[in-house]
Structures are given as C-alpha cells and as structure tokens.
Amino acid sequence: MMTGGSAPRARIIVVNAGSSSLKLRLLGPADEVTAAFDLDRWDGRPEHTELGEFLSGLSVDAVGHRVVHGGSRFIDATVIDDSVTAAIADLTDLAPLHQPRALAGIAAVRSALPGVPAVA
C-alpha cells in the first residue's frame, strides 16, 4: 500500500517524424500536452534551428519516437542506443520514405537532449 500520494509522473516528448513533416508533443505529468512543435515541410535535417530552440527550452524525462517499421526484431518498445539506430537504418528498405526521417528525428532529439533516455 502506498502512502503519501503517488509518485510524480514523467514529462515525455513524443516524436512523430513523417516522410515530409515533424511533430513533437511534450506530455506533462497528467498526460496533457504542455508544448507542441510542428514542421509541416521538414527537410530531414537534424540540426534545424527552430527544432533545436524548441527542445533546448524543455525539461524532459524521456523521449518516445514513432518508427514505422521494426521488422521482426523490434516488436515492442525498445530503448534506443547506437546499435538500435543502426538496426533501424538496416530496415530502411521496408519503409524507405519514413525510416530515414525517423532516424533524423532520433538524431535531432539526441543532439539537443543528450543523456535523455529514448524509446522507439
């Protein structure tokens, strides 16, 4: 039995990198959207200035990335590290329009928020 209230919930960024757009949502402790960033015509560059500015102003506990295809290897949420990004890149043939953009989103957020755990 828990006393003294429940533990605080995390602030999570959800990243949806599409074939031509990028959408980020910061979810607060009650799963409410507390900040949003959209690039309707994203060129896939991880070093996009506005994206970096948006991310640098946030306090984040974790990041969740939408990746279109995980092949047979990734069937559940997976913590992202260098080996996972390489494996996602190896699956580009399964979703050639989306995988490179998902990887660019991962790179952009990783660069702006180093050390923040990320899941795909």
N, C-alpha and C. Protein backbone atom coordinates (compact mmCIF):
# COMPACT_ATOMS: atom_id res chain seq x y z
N MET A 1 0.83 -1.18 0.00
CA MET A 1 0.00 0.00 0.00
C MET A 1 0.87 1.24 0.00
N MET A 2 0.53 2.18 -0.87
CA MET A 2 1.31 3.40 -0.99
C MET A 2 0.71 4.48 -0.10
N THR A 3 1.54 5.19 0.61
CA THR A 3 1.05 6.29 1.43
C THR A 3 1.70 7.57 0.98
N GLY A 4 1.07 8.68 1.32
CA GLY A 4 1.66 9.97 1.00
C GLY A 4 1.50 10.38 -0.45
N GLY A 5 0.56 9.79 -1.18
CA GLY A 5 0.34 10.18 -2.56
C GLY A 5 1.13 9.32 -3.52
N SER A 6 0.92 9.55 -4.78
CA SER A 6 1.60 8.75 -5.80
C SER A 6 2.88 9.45 -6.26
N ALA A 7 3.73 8.68 -6.89
CA ALA A 7 4.98 9.23 -7.40
C ALA A 7 4.68 10.18 -8.56
N PRO A 8 5.51 11.22 -8.73
CA PRO A 8 5.30 12.14 -9.84
C PRO A 8 5.50 11.42 -11.17
N ARG A 9 4.73 11.83 -12.15
CA ARG A 9 4.83 11.22 -13.48
C ARG A 9 5.82 12.00 -14.33
N ALA A 10 6.37 11.33 -15.29
CA ALA A 10 7.42 11.90 -16.13
C ALA A 10 6.87 12.88 -17.16
N ARG A 11 7.76 13.75 -17.64
CA ARG A 11 7.49 14.62 -18.78
C ARG A 11 8.14 13.95 -19.97
N ILE A 12 7.33 13.64 -20.97
CA ILE A 12 7.79 12.85 -22.12
C ILE A 12 7.54 13.60 -23.41
N ILE A 13 8.54 13.61 -24.28
CA ILE A 13 8.36 14.14 -25.63
C ILE A 13 8.02 12.97 -26.53
N VAL A 14 6.97 13.13 -27.32
CA VAL A 14 6.60 12.15 -28.33
C VAL A 14 6.97 12.75 -29.67
N VAL A 15 7.77 12.01 -30.46
CA VAL A 15 8.28 12.49 -31.74
C VAL A 15 7.66 11.67 -32.86
N ASN A 16 7.03 12.36 -33.80
CA ASN A 16 6.44 11.71 -34.97
C ASN A 16 7.09 12.33 -36.20
N ALA A 17 8.08 11.65 -36.74
CA ALA A 17 8.78 12.11 -37.93
C ALA A 17 8.16 11.42 -39.14
N GLY A 18 7.42 12.19 -39.93
CA GLY A 18 6.81 11.64 -41.12
C GLY A 18 7.70 11.80 -42.33
N SER A 19 7.20 11.41 -43.49
CA SER A 19 8.01 11.49 -44.71
C SER A 19 8.31 12.93 -45.10
N SER A 20 7.48 13.89 -44.67
CA SER A 20 7.75 15.29 -45.01
C SER A 20 7.52 16.23 -43.84
N SER A 21 7.06 15.74 -42.71
CA SER A 21 6.76 16.61 -41.58
C SER A 21 7.39 16.06 -40.30
N LEU A 22 7.42 16.92 -39.30
CA LEU A 22 7.93 16.53 -37.99
C LEU A 22 7.01 17.14 -36.95
N LYS A 23 6.52 16.32 -36.02
CA LYS A 23 5.63 16.78 -34.97
C LYS A 23 6.12 16.28 -33.63
N LEU A 24 6.25 17.20 -32.69
CA LEU A 24 6.66 16.85 -31.33
C LEU A 24 5.60 17.34 -30.36
N ARG A 25 5.34 16.55 -29.34
CA ARG A 25 4.42 16.91 -28.28
C ARG A 25 5.09 16.60 -26.95
N LEU A 26 5.06 17.57 -26.05
CA LEU A 26 5.54 17.34 -24.69
C LEU A 26 4.32 17.03 -23.84
N LEU A 27 4.34 15.85 -23.24
CA LEU A 27 3.26 15.43 -22.36
C LEU A 27 3.67 15.67 -20.92
N GLY A 28 2.77 16.31 -20.18
CA GLY A 28 3.03 16.61 -18.78
C GLY A 28 2.67 15.46 -17.88
N PRO A 29 2.75 15.68 -16.58
CA PRO A 29 2.51 14.62 -15.60
C PRO A 29 1.15 13.95 -15.69
N ALA A 30 0.14 14.65 -16.19
CA ALA A 30 -1.20 14.06 -16.30
C ALA A 30 -1.50 13.67 -17.76
N ASP A 31 -0.46 13.46 -18.54
CA ASP A 31 -0.57 13.11 -19.96
C ASP A 31 -1.20 14.22 -20.80
N GLU A 32 -1.17 15.43 -20.30
CA GLU A 32 -1.68 16.56 -21.07
C GLU A 32 -0.56 17.12 -21.96
N VAL A 33 -0.93 17.65 -23.12
CA VAL A 33 0.05 18.28 -24.00
C VAL A 33 0.37 19.64 -23.42
N THR A 34 1.64 19.84 -23.05
CA THR A 34 2.05 21.11 -22.46
C THR A 34 2.85 21.97 -23.42
N ALA A 35 3.34 21.38 -24.50
CA ALA A 35 4.04 22.14 -25.53
C ALA A 35 3.99 21.33 -26.82
N ALA A 36 4.02 22.04 -27.94
CA ALA A 36 3.94 21.37 -29.24
C ALA A 36 4.83 22.09 -30.23
N PHE A 37 5.35 21.32 -31.17
CA PHE A 37 6.18 21.88 -32.24
C PHE A 37 5.89 21.10 -33.51
N ASP A 38 5.57 21.80 -34.59
CA ASP A 38 5.30 21.17 -35.89
C ASP A 38 6.12 21.82 -36.98
N LEU A 39 6.72 21.00 -37.80
CA LEU A 39 7.34 21.45 -39.05
C LEU A 39 6.58 20.74 -40.16
N ASP A 40 5.74 21.48 -40.88
CA ASP A 40 4.93 20.87 -41.94
C ASP A 40 5.77 20.44 -43.13
N ARG A 41 6.84 21.14 -43.38
CA ARG A 41 7.73 20.80 -44.50
C ARG A 41 9.16 20.67 -43.99
N TRP A 42 9.40 19.57 -43.30
CA TRP A 42 10.71 19.32 -42.72
C TRP A 42 11.60 18.66 -43.76
N ASP A 43 12.80 19.19 -43.92
CA ASP A 43 13.72 18.63 -44.91
C ASP A 43 14.55 17.47 -44.36
N GLY A 44 14.32 17.09 -43.13
CA GLY A 44 15.02 15.95 -42.54
C GLY A 44 16.34 16.29 -41.88
N ARG A 45 16.71 17.57 -41.88
CA ARG A 45 17.97 17.96 -41.24
C ARG A 45 17.82 17.93 -39.72
N PRO A 46 18.66 17.14 -39.05
CA PRO A 46 18.58 17.10 -37.59
C PRO A 46 18.95 18.42 -36.93
N GLU A 47 19.75 19.24 -37.61
CA GLU A 47 20.23 20.47 -36.99
C GLU A 47 19.32 21.67 -37.29
N HIS A 48 18.05 21.46 -37.53
CA HIS A 48 17.08 22.52 -37.80
C HIS A 48 17.05 23.49 -36.62
N THR A 49 17.22 24.78 -36.89
CA THR A 49 17.35 25.80 -35.85
C THR A 49 16.13 25.87 -34.94
N GLU A 50 14.94 25.97 -35.50
CA GLU A 50 13.73 26.10 -34.69
C GLU A 50 13.50 24.86 -33.82
N LEU A 51 13.81 23.69 -34.36
CA LEU A 51 13.67 22.46 -33.60
C LEU A 51 14.60 22.47 -32.40
N GLY A 52 15.85 22.85 -32.62
CA GLY A 52 16.81 22.93 -31.53
C GLY A 52 16.40 23.92 -30.46
N GLU A 53 15.86 25.06 -30.89
CA GLU A 53 15.39 26.06 -29.93
C GLU A 53 14.23 25.53 -29.10
N PHE A 54 13.30 24.85 -29.74
CA PHE A 54 12.16 24.27 -29.02
C PHE A 54 12.64 23.27 -27.98
N LEU A 55 13.49 22.36 -28.38
CA LEU A 55 13.96 21.31 -27.48
C LEU A 55 14.82 21.85 -26.35
N SER A 56 15.63 22.86 -26.63
CA SER A 56 16.54 23.37 -25.60
C SER A 56 15.81 24.05 -24.45
N GLY A 57 14.58 24.47 -24.68
CA GLY A 57 13.83 25.14 -23.63
C GLY A 57 12.99 24.21 -22.77
N LEU A 58 13.13 22.91 -22.94
CA LEU A 58 12.26 21.95 -22.25
C LEU A 58 13.00 21.18 -21.17
N SER A 59 12.24 20.78 -20.16
CA SER A 59 12.72 19.84 -19.15
C SER A 59 12.03 18.52 -19.45
N VAL A 60 12.81 17.51 -19.81
CA VAL A 60 12.25 16.26 -20.31
C VAL A 60 12.87 15.08 -19.56
N ASP A 61 12.02 14.09 -19.25
CA ASP A 61 12.50 12.88 -18.58
C ASP A 61 12.77 11.74 -19.54
N ALA A 62 12.03 11.72 -20.67
CA ALA A 62 12.18 10.63 -21.65
C ALA A 62 11.60 11.08 -22.98
N VAL A 63 11.97 10.34 -24.03
CA VAL A 63 11.51 10.63 -25.38
C VAL A 63 10.96 9.34 -25.99
N GLY A 64 9.85 9.46 -26.69
CA GLY A 64 9.28 8.34 -27.43
C GLY A 64 9.25 8.68 -28.90
N HIS A 65 9.84 7.84 -29.73
CA HIS A 65 9.89 8.05 -31.18
C HIS A 65 8.98 7.07 -31.90
N ARG A 66 8.21 7.56 -32.84
CA ARG A 66 7.43 6.68 -33.72
C ARG A 66 8.36 6.25 -34.86
N VAL A 67 8.53 4.97 -34.99
CA VAL A 67 9.31 4.40 -36.09
C VAL A 67 8.37 3.47 -36.85
N VAL A 68 8.25 3.68 -38.15
CA VAL A 68 7.25 2.96 -38.94
C VAL A 68 7.48 1.46 -38.95
N HIS A 69 8.73 1.04 -39.09
CA HIS A 69 8.94 -0.41 -39.25
C HIS A 69 10.10 -0.90 -38.41
N GLY A 70 9.83 -1.93 -37.61
CA GLY A 70 10.86 -2.55 -36.80
C GLY A 70 11.23 -3.94 -37.26
N GLY A 71 10.68 -4.33 -38.43
CA GLY A 71 10.96 -5.66 -38.93
C GLY A 71 10.52 -6.71 -37.93
N SER A 72 11.17 -7.85 -37.92
CA SER A 72 10.83 -8.89 -36.95
C SER A 72 11.63 -8.74 -35.66
N ARG A 73 12.63 -7.87 -35.68
CA ARG A 73 13.48 -7.69 -34.50
C ARG A 73 12.82 -6.82 -33.44
N PHE A 74 12.21 -5.71 -33.86
CA PHE A 74 11.64 -4.77 -32.91
C PHE A 74 10.12 -4.87 -32.93
N ILE A 75 9.58 -5.62 -31.99
CA ILE A 75 8.13 -5.80 -31.94
C ILE A 75 7.54 -5.16 -30.68
N ASP A 76 8.39 -4.66 -29.82
CA ASP A 76 7.98 -3.96 -28.60
C ASP A 76 8.79 -2.67 -28.49
N ALA A 77 8.38 -1.80 -27.59
CA ALA A 77 9.16 -0.59 -27.33
C ALA A 77 10.58 -0.99 -26.97
N THR A 78 11.53 -0.25 -27.53
CA THR A 78 12.95 -0.59 -27.37
C THR A 78 13.74 0.66 -27.04
N VAL A 79 14.58 0.59 -26.02
CA VAL A 79 15.45 1.71 -25.68
C VAL A 79 16.44 1.92 -26.83
N ILE A 80 16.57 3.17 -27.23
CA ILE A 80 17.42 3.49 -28.38
C ILE A 80 18.86 3.71 -27.93
N ASP A 81 19.76 2.99 -28.59
CA ASP A 81 21.20 3.22 -28.45
C ASP A 81 21.79 3.14 -29.86
N ASP A 82 23.10 3.20 -29.98
CA ASP A 82 23.72 3.19 -31.31
C ASP A 82 23.41 1.93 -32.09
N SER A 83 23.35 0.79 -31.41
CA SER A 83 23.07 -0.46 -32.13
C SER A 83 21.62 -0.50 -32.63
N VAL A 84 20.71 0.09 -31.88
CA VAL A 84 19.31 0.15 -32.31
C VAL A 84 19.16 1.09 -33.50
N THR A 85 19.82 2.24 -33.47
CA THR A 85 19.71 3.14 -34.62
C THR A 85 20.30 2.49 -35.86
N ALA A 86 21.39 1.76 -35.71
CA ALA A 86 21.97 1.05 -36.87
C ALA A 86 21.01 0.00 -37.39
N ALA A 87 20.34 -0.71 -36.50
CA ALA A 87 19.38 -1.74 -36.92
C ALA A 87 18.16 -1.11 -37.60
N ILE A 88 17.71 0.03 -37.10
CA ILE A 88 16.60 0.74 -37.75
C ILE A 88 17.02 1.17 -39.15
N ALA A 89 18.24 1.66 -39.28
CA ALA A 89 18.75 2.06 -40.60
C ALA A 89 18.79 0.86 -41.55
N ASP A 90 19.13 -0.30 -41.03
CA ASP A 90 19.18 -1.51 -41.86
C ASP A 90 17.80 -1.92 -42.37
N LEU A 91 16.74 -1.40 -41.75
CA LEU A 91 15.37 -1.73 -42.14
C LEU A 91 14.77 -0.70 -43.10
N THR A 92 15.59 0.19 -43.62
CA THR A 92 15.08 1.25 -44.50
C THR A 92 14.34 0.72 -45.71
N ASP A 93 14.76 -0.41 -46.26
CA ASP A 93 14.06 -0.96 -47.42
C ASP A 93 12.60 -1.27 -47.13
N LEU A 94 12.25 -1.50 -45.86
CA LEU A 94 10.87 -1.81 -45.51
C LEU A 94 9.97 -0.58 -45.47
N ALA A 95 10.57 0.60 -45.26
CA ALA A 95 9.81 1.86 -45.21
C ALA A 95 10.73 2.99 -45.67
N PRO A 96 11.05 3.03 -46.96
CA PRO A 96 12.08 3.95 -47.45
C PRO A 96 11.75 5.43 -47.30
N LEU A 97 10.50 5.79 -47.21
CA LEU A 97 10.15 7.20 -47.02
C LEU A 97 10.19 7.61 -45.55
N HIS A 98 9.97 6.67 -44.66
CA HIS A 98 9.82 7.01 -43.25
C HIS A 98 11.04 6.71 -42.38
N GLN A 99 11.74 5.60 -42.64
CA GLN A 99 12.86 5.23 -41.77
C GLN A 99 13.94 6.32 -41.71
N PRO A 100 14.37 6.89 -42.85
CA PRO A 100 15.40 7.93 -42.76
C PRO A 100 14.94 9.13 -41.93
N ARG A 101 13.65 9.47 -42.03
CA ARG A 101 13.13 10.60 -41.26
C ARG A 101 13.06 10.27 -39.78
N ALA A 102 12.68 9.05 -39.45
CA ALA A 102 12.67 8.65 -38.04
C ALA A 102 14.08 8.72 -37.47
N LEU A 103 15.05 8.28 -38.24
CA LEU A 103 16.45 8.33 -37.79
C LEU A 103 16.92 9.77 -37.64
N ALA A 104 16.49 10.65 -38.54
CA ALA A 104 16.84 12.07 -38.43
C ALA A 104 16.21 12.68 -37.17
N GLY A 105 14.97 12.29 -36.88
CA GLY A 105 14.32 12.77 -35.66
C GLY A 105 15.04 12.28 -34.42
N ILE A 106 15.45 11.03 -34.44
CA ILE A 106 16.21 10.47 -33.32
C ILE A 106 17.51 11.24 -33.14
N ALA A 107 18.21 11.50 -34.24
CA ALA A 107 19.49 12.23 -34.17
C ALA A 107 19.28 13.65 -33.66
N ALA A 108 18.24 14.31 -34.12
CA ALA A 108 17.99 15.69 -33.71
C ALA A 108 17.70 15.79 -32.22
N VAL A 109 16.84 14.92 -31.73
CA VAL A 109 16.48 14.96 -30.32
C VAL A 109 17.65 14.52 -29.45
N ARG A 110 18.37 13.52 -29.89
CA ARG A 110 19.54 13.05 -29.14
C ARG A 110 20.59 14.16 -29.02
N SER A 111 20.77 14.91 -30.11
CA SER A 111 21.73 16.00 -30.10
C SER A 111 21.31 17.13 -29.16
N ALA A 112 20.02 17.45 -29.18
CA ALA A 112 19.53 18.55 -28.35
C ALA A 112 19.34 18.15 -26.89
N LEU A 113 19.08 16.88 -26.64
CA LEU A 113 18.81 16.40 -25.29
C LEU A 113 19.71 15.21 -24.95
N PRO A 114 21.02 15.43 -24.93
CA PRO A 114 21.92 14.29 -24.67
C PRO A 114 21.68 13.71 -23.29
N GLY A 115 21.71 12.40 -23.23
CA GLY A 115 21.54 11.72 -21.95
C GLY A 115 20.10 11.45 -21.57
N VAL A 116 19.13 12.01 -22.31
CA VAL A 116 17.73 11.74 -22.00
C VAL A 116 17.37 10.39 -22.64
N PRO A 117 16.84 9.45 -21.87
CA PRO A 117 16.50 8.14 -22.44
C PRO A 117 15.44 8.27 -23.53
N ALA A 118 15.62 7.48 -24.57
CA ALA A 118 14.69 7.50 -25.71
C ALA A 118 14.27 6.07 -26.04
N VAL A 119 13.03 5.94 -26.48
CA VAL A 119 12.45 4.65 -26.81
C VAL A 119 11.82 4.75 -28.19
N ALA A 120 11.95 3.68 -28.97
CA ALA A 120 11.28 3.62 -30.29
C ALA A 120 10.25 2.52 -30.23
